[in-house]
Amino acid sequence: MNIESKRLKEIDIVKLMINLYCCHHNDINEKELIDYATLRIKKCPMIKDKTFCSRCKIHCYEKNMQEQIKKVMRYSGPRMIFHHPILAIKHIMKG
């Protein structure tokens, strides 16, 4: 997989997770977080070698956005197996 396709795939997965979270919660600005996460992924200098942002040596999210994305991941991560099982299984195998 080339770097650009990896980048696009990661953006798609983050969007799915944010959308899943926002279907059940109203405490974050969905569009703002998607736009921010997309921008950070597009500018990620570690995309070639990293597996997940949580395992990255550098954390490029601003503190408040980092807290929001963590909240999204904690909620959406376990639920992805029900909403997007193939993606969830691939993620488990990758980790």
N, C-alpha and C. Protein backbone atom coordinates (compact mmCIF):
# COMPACT_ATOMS: atom_id res chain seq x y z
N MET A 1 0.85 -1.18 0.00
CA MET A 1 0.00 0.00 0.00
C MET A 1 0.90 1.24 0.00
N ASN A 2 0.63 2.16 -0.92
CA ASN A 2 1.45 3.36 -0.95
C ASN A 2 1.00 4.34 0.14
N ILE A 3 1.82 5.34 0.36
CA ILE A 3 1.57 6.28 1.46
C ILE A 3 0.26 7.04 1.28
N GLU A 4 -0.02 7.47 0.06
CA GLU A 4 -1.24 8.24 -0.17
C GLU A 4 -2.50 7.41 0.08
N SER A 5 -2.50 6.16 -0.35
CA SER A 5 -3.68 5.33 -0.11
C SER A 5 -3.81 5.01 1.38
N LYS A 6 -2.69 4.86 2.08
CA LYS A 6 -2.72 4.65 3.54
C LYS A 6 -3.32 5.87 4.23
N ARG A 7 -2.92 7.04 3.77
CA ARG A 7 -3.42 8.29 4.32
C ARG A 7 -4.94 8.40 4.11
N LEU A 8 -5.40 8.12 2.91
CA LEU A 8 -6.84 8.20 2.60
C LEU A 8 -7.64 7.18 3.39
N LYS A 9 -7.09 5.99 3.56
CA LYS A 9 -7.78 4.95 4.33
C LYS A 9 -7.91 5.38 5.80
N GLU A 10 -6.84 5.94 6.33
CA GLU A 10 -6.89 6.40 7.73
C GLU A 10 -7.91 7.52 7.90
N ILE A 11 -7.98 8.43 6.94
CA ILE A 11 -8.97 9.51 6.99
C ILE A 11 -10.38 8.92 6.97
N ASP A 12 -10.63 7.96 6.11
CA ASP A 12 -11.96 7.33 6.03
C ASP A 12 -12.35 6.67 7.35
N ILE A 13 -11.42 5.97 7.96
CA ILE A 13 -11.71 5.28 9.21
C ILE A 13 -12.00 6.28 10.33
N VAL A 14 -11.20 7.34 10.41
CA VAL A 14 -11.43 8.36 11.45
C VAL A 14 -12.80 9.01 11.25
N LYS A 15 -13.16 9.29 10.00
CA LYS A 15 -14.48 9.87 9.72
C LYS A 15 -15.60 8.93 10.18
N LEU A 16 -15.46 7.64 9.89
CA LEU A 16 -16.47 6.66 10.32
C LEU A 16 -16.61 6.66 11.84
N MET A 17 -15.48 6.71 12.53
CA MET A 17 -15.50 6.67 13.99
C MET A 17 -16.12 7.94 14.57
N ILE A 18 -15.79 9.08 13.99
CA ILE A 18 -16.37 10.34 14.46
C ILE A 18 -17.87 10.35 14.18
N ASN A 19 -18.28 9.91 13.01
CA ASN A 19 -19.72 9.85 12.68
C ASN A 19 -20.46 8.93 13.64
N LEU A 20 -19.88 7.78 13.95
CA LEU A 20 -20.51 6.84 14.88
C LEU A 20 -20.69 7.49 16.25
N TYR A 21 -19.67 8.16 16.72
CA TYR A 21 -19.74 8.83 18.02
C TYR A 21 -20.85 9.90 18.00
N CYS A 22 -20.84 10.71 16.94
CA CYS A 22 -21.77 11.84 16.87
C CYS A 22 -23.22 11.42 16.67
N CYS A 23 -23.46 10.21 16.21
CA CYS A 23 -24.84 9.71 16.10
C CYS A 23 -25.47 9.53 17.48
N HIS A 24 -24.64 9.37 18.50
CA HIS A 24 -25.14 9.08 19.84
C HIS A 24 -24.80 10.17 20.86
N HIS A 25 -24.00 11.14 20.47
CA HIS A 25 -23.58 12.20 21.38
C HIS A 25 -23.65 13.55 20.65
N ASN A 26 -23.87 14.59 21.41
CA ASN A 26 -23.92 15.94 20.83
C ASN A 26 -22.93 16.89 21.48
N ASP A 27 -21.87 16.34 22.06
CA ASP A 27 -20.96 17.19 22.83
C ASP A 27 -19.73 17.65 22.06
N ILE A 28 -19.59 17.27 20.80
CA ILE A 28 -18.47 17.76 19.99
C ILE A 28 -18.99 18.25 18.65
N ASN A 29 -18.21 19.10 18.01
CA ASN A 29 -18.55 19.61 16.69
C ASN A 29 -18.00 18.61 15.67
N GLU A 30 -18.89 17.84 15.08
CA GLU A 30 -18.50 16.75 14.18
C GLU A 30 -17.67 17.25 13.00
N LYS A 31 -18.15 18.27 12.33
CA LYS A 31 -17.44 18.77 11.15
C LYS A 31 -16.06 19.31 11.52
N GLU A 32 -16.01 20.05 12.60
CA GLU A 32 -14.73 20.63 13.04
C GLU A 32 -13.71 19.54 13.35
N LEU A 33 -14.14 18.49 14.04
CA LEU A 33 -13.21 17.42 14.40
C LEU A 33 -12.78 16.63 13.16
N ILE A 34 -13.71 16.37 12.25
CA ILE A 34 -13.35 15.67 11.00
C ILE A 34 -12.35 16.50 10.20
N ASP A 35 -12.63 17.78 10.06
CA ASP A 35 -11.71 18.65 9.31
C ASP A 35 -10.33 18.69 9.97
N TYR A 36 -10.31 18.80 11.28
CA TYR A 36 -9.05 18.87 12.01
C TYR A 36 -8.27 17.55 11.88
N ALA A 37 -8.94 16.44 12.09
CA ALA A 37 -8.28 15.14 12.00
C ALA A 37 -7.76 14.89 10.58
N THR A 38 -8.54 15.27 9.59
CA THR A 38 -8.13 15.12 8.19
C THR A 38 -6.87 15.93 7.91
N LEU A 39 -6.85 17.15 8.39
CA LEU A 39 -5.67 18.00 8.20
C LEU A 39 -4.44 17.40 8.87
N ARG A 40 -4.61 16.90 10.09
CA ARG A 40 -3.47 16.32 10.82
C ARG A 40 -2.96 15.07 10.10
N ILE A 41 -3.86 14.24 9.60
CA ILE A 41 -3.45 13.03 8.89
C ILE A 41 -2.73 13.40 7.59
N LYS A 42 -3.24 14.40 6.89
CA LYS A 42 -2.60 14.82 5.63
C LYS A 42 -1.19 15.35 5.86
N LYS A 43 -0.95 15.95 7.03
CA LYS A 43 0.36 16.52 7.33
C LYS A 43 1.25 15.59 8.15
N CYS A 44 0.79 14.40 8.44
CA CYS A 44 1.52 13.49 9.32
C CYS A 44 2.87 13.10 8.72
N PRO A 45 3.97 13.42 9.42
CA PRO A 45 5.29 13.05 8.92
C PRO A 45 5.64 11.59 9.19
N MET A 46 4.85 10.93 10.03
CA MET A 46 5.15 9.56 10.43
C MET A 46 4.27 8.52 9.73
N ILE A 47 3.46 8.95 8.78
CA ILE A 47 2.45 8.08 8.16
C ILE A 47 3.05 6.81 7.57
N LYS A 48 4.25 6.90 7.06
CA LYS A 48 4.88 5.74 6.42
C LYS A 48 5.08 4.59 7.40
N ASP A 49 5.50 4.90 8.61
CA ASP A 49 5.90 3.86 9.57
C ASP A 49 4.91 3.61 10.70
N LYS A 50 4.02 4.55 10.96
CA LYS A 50 3.15 4.39 12.13
C LYS A 50 2.00 3.42 11.87
N THR A 51 1.51 2.86 12.94
CA THR A 51 0.32 2.02 12.85
C THR A 51 -0.90 2.82 13.31
N PHE A 52 -0.83 3.38 14.51
CA PHE A 52 -1.94 4.15 15.07
C PHE A 52 -1.40 5.42 15.70
N CYS A 53 -2.21 6.47 15.69
CA CYS A 53 -1.78 7.73 16.29
C CYS A 53 -1.44 7.55 17.78
N SER A 54 -2.18 6.71 18.46
CA SER A 54 -1.94 6.51 19.89
C SER A 54 -0.56 5.90 20.17
N ARG A 55 0.03 5.27 19.17
CA ARG A 55 1.36 4.67 19.34
C ARG A 55 2.47 5.53 18.74
N CYS A 56 2.12 6.69 18.26
CA CYS A 56 3.08 7.57 17.60
C CYS A 56 3.99 8.23 18.64
N LYS A 57 5.23 8.49 18.23
CA LYS A 57 6.20 9.14 19.12
C LYS A 57 5.89 10.62 19.29
N ILE A 58 5.30 11.21 18.25
CA ILE A 58 4.90 12.62 18.36
C ILE A 58 3.38 12.67 18.37
N HIS A 59 2.85 13.61 19.10
CA HIS A 59 1.40 13.79 19.13
C HIS A 59 1.10 15.17 18.59
N CYS A 60 0.57 15.22 17.38
CA CYS A 60 0.42 16.49 16.67
C CYS A 60 -0.93 17.16 16.90
N TYR A 61 -1.82 16.55 17.65
CA TYR A 61 -3.12 17.16 17.93
C TYR A 61 -2.97 18.18 19.07
N GLU A 62 -3.67 19.31 18.93
CA GLU A 62 -3.74 20.25 20.04
C GLU A 62 -4.43 19.55 21.21
N LYS A 63 -4.16 19.99 22.41
CA LYS A 63 -4.64 19.31 23.61
C LYS A 63 -6.16 19.11 23.60
N ASN A 64 -6.92 20.15 23.30
CA ASN A 64 -8.39 20.00 23.35
C ASN A 64 -8.89 19.05 22.26
N MET A 65 -8.27 19.09 21.08
CA MET A 65 -8.68 18.18 20.01
C MET A 65 -8.23 16.76 20.33
N GLN A 66 -7.10 16.63 20.96
CA GLN A 66 -6.62 15.31 21.37
C GLN A 66 -7.60 14.68 22.36
N GLU A 67 -8.12 15.46 23.27
CA GLU A 67 -9.11 14.95 24.23
C GLU A 67 -10.39 14.52 23.51
N GLN A 68 -10.82 15.30 22.52
CA GLN A 68 -12.02 14.95 21.79
C GLN A 68 -11.83 13.67 20.98
N ILE A 69 -10.71 13.53 20.32
CA ILE A 69 -10.50 12.35 19.49
C ILE A 69 -10.33 11.11 20.36
N LYS A 70 -9.75 11.27 21.54
CA LYS A 70 -9.65 10.13 22.47
C LYS A 70 -11.04 9.68 22.91
N LYS A 71 -11.90 10.66 23.20
CA LYS A 71 -13.28 10.35 23.59
C LYS A 71 -13.99 9.58 22.47
N VAL A 72 -13.79 10.03 21.24
CA VAL A 72 -14.39 9.37 20.08
C VAL A 72 -13.86 7.94 19.95
N MET A 73 -12.56 7.77 20.08
CA MET A 73 -11.94 6.45 19.92
C MET A 73 -12.39 5.48 21.01
N ARG A 74 -12.46 5.99 22.25
CA ARG A 74 -12.91 5.13 23.35
C ARG A 74 -14.34 4.64 23.13
N TYR A 75 -15.18 5.50 22.60
CA TYR A 75 -16.57 5.12 22.36
C TYR A 75 -16.71 4.27 21.10
N SER A 76 -16.16 4.75 20.01
CA SER A 76 -16.37 4.11 18.70
C SER A 76 -15.57 2.83 18.51
N GLY A 77 -14.38 2.79 19.08
CA GLY A 77 -13.51 1.62 18.89
C GLY A 77 -14.20 0.29 19.16
N PRO A 78 -14.75 0.10 20.35
CA PRO A 78 -15.41 -1.18 20.65
C PRO A 78 -16.67 -1.42 19.81
N ARG A 79 -17.30 -0.37 19.34
CA ARG A 79 -18.54 -0.51 18.57
C ARG A 79 -18.30 -0.74 17.07
N MET A 80 -17.09 -0.53 16.64
CA MET A 80 -16.77 -0.72 15.22
C MET A 80 -17.00 -2.17 14.78
N ILE A 81 -16.84 -3.12 15.69
CA ILE A 81 -17.04 -4.53 15.35
C ILE A 81 -18.48 -4.78 14.90
N PHE A 82 -19.42 -4.00 15.40
CA PHE A 82 -20.83 -4.16 15.04
C PHE A 82 -21.21 -3.35 13.80
N HIS A 83 -20.56 -2.21 13.63
CA HIS A 83 -20.91 -1.31 12.52
C HIS A 83 -20.04 -1.50 11.29
N HIS A 84 -18.79 -1.85 11.50
CA HIS A 84 -17.83 -2.04 10.40
C HIS A 84 -16.91 -3.21 10.77
N PRO A 85 -17.44 -4.43 10.76
CA PRO A 85 -16.69 -5.58 11.29
C PRO A 85 -15.38 -5.87 10.55
N ILE A 86 -15.35 -5.72 9.25
CA ILE A 86 -14.12 -6.03 8.52
C ILE A 86 -13.01 -5.04 8.90
N LEU A 87 -13.34 -3.77 8.97
CA LEU A 87 -12.36 -2.77 9.39
C LEU A 87 -11.87 -3.05 10.81
N ALA A 88 -12.79 -3.41 11.69
CA ALA A 88 -12.42 -3.69 13.08
C ALA A 88 -11.49 -4.89 13.17
N ILE A 89 -11.77 -5.93 12.45
CA ILE A 89 -10.91 -7.13 12.47
C ILE A 89 -9.53 -6.80 11.91
N LYS A 90 -9.46 -6.04 10.81
CA LYS A 90 -8.17 -5.63 10.27
C LYS A 90 -7.39 -4.82 11.27
N HIS A 91 -8.07 -3.95 11.99
CA HIS A 91 -7.43 -3.12 13.00
C HIS A 91 -6.85 -3.98 14.13
N ILE A 92 -7.62 -4.94 14.58
CA ILE A 92 -7.16 -5.85 15.64
C ILE A 92 -5.94 -6.63 15.19
N MET A 93 -5.97 -7.11 13.97
CA MET A 93 -4.85 -7.89 13.44
C MET A 93 -3.60 -7.02 13.27
N LYS A 94 -3.80 -5.77 12.91
CA LYS A 94 -2.68 -4.84 12.71
C LYS A 94 -2.01 -4.49 14.03
N GLY A 95 -2.83 -4.43 15.09
CA GLY A 95 -2.32 -4.03 16.40
C GLY A 95 -1.70 -5.16 17.11
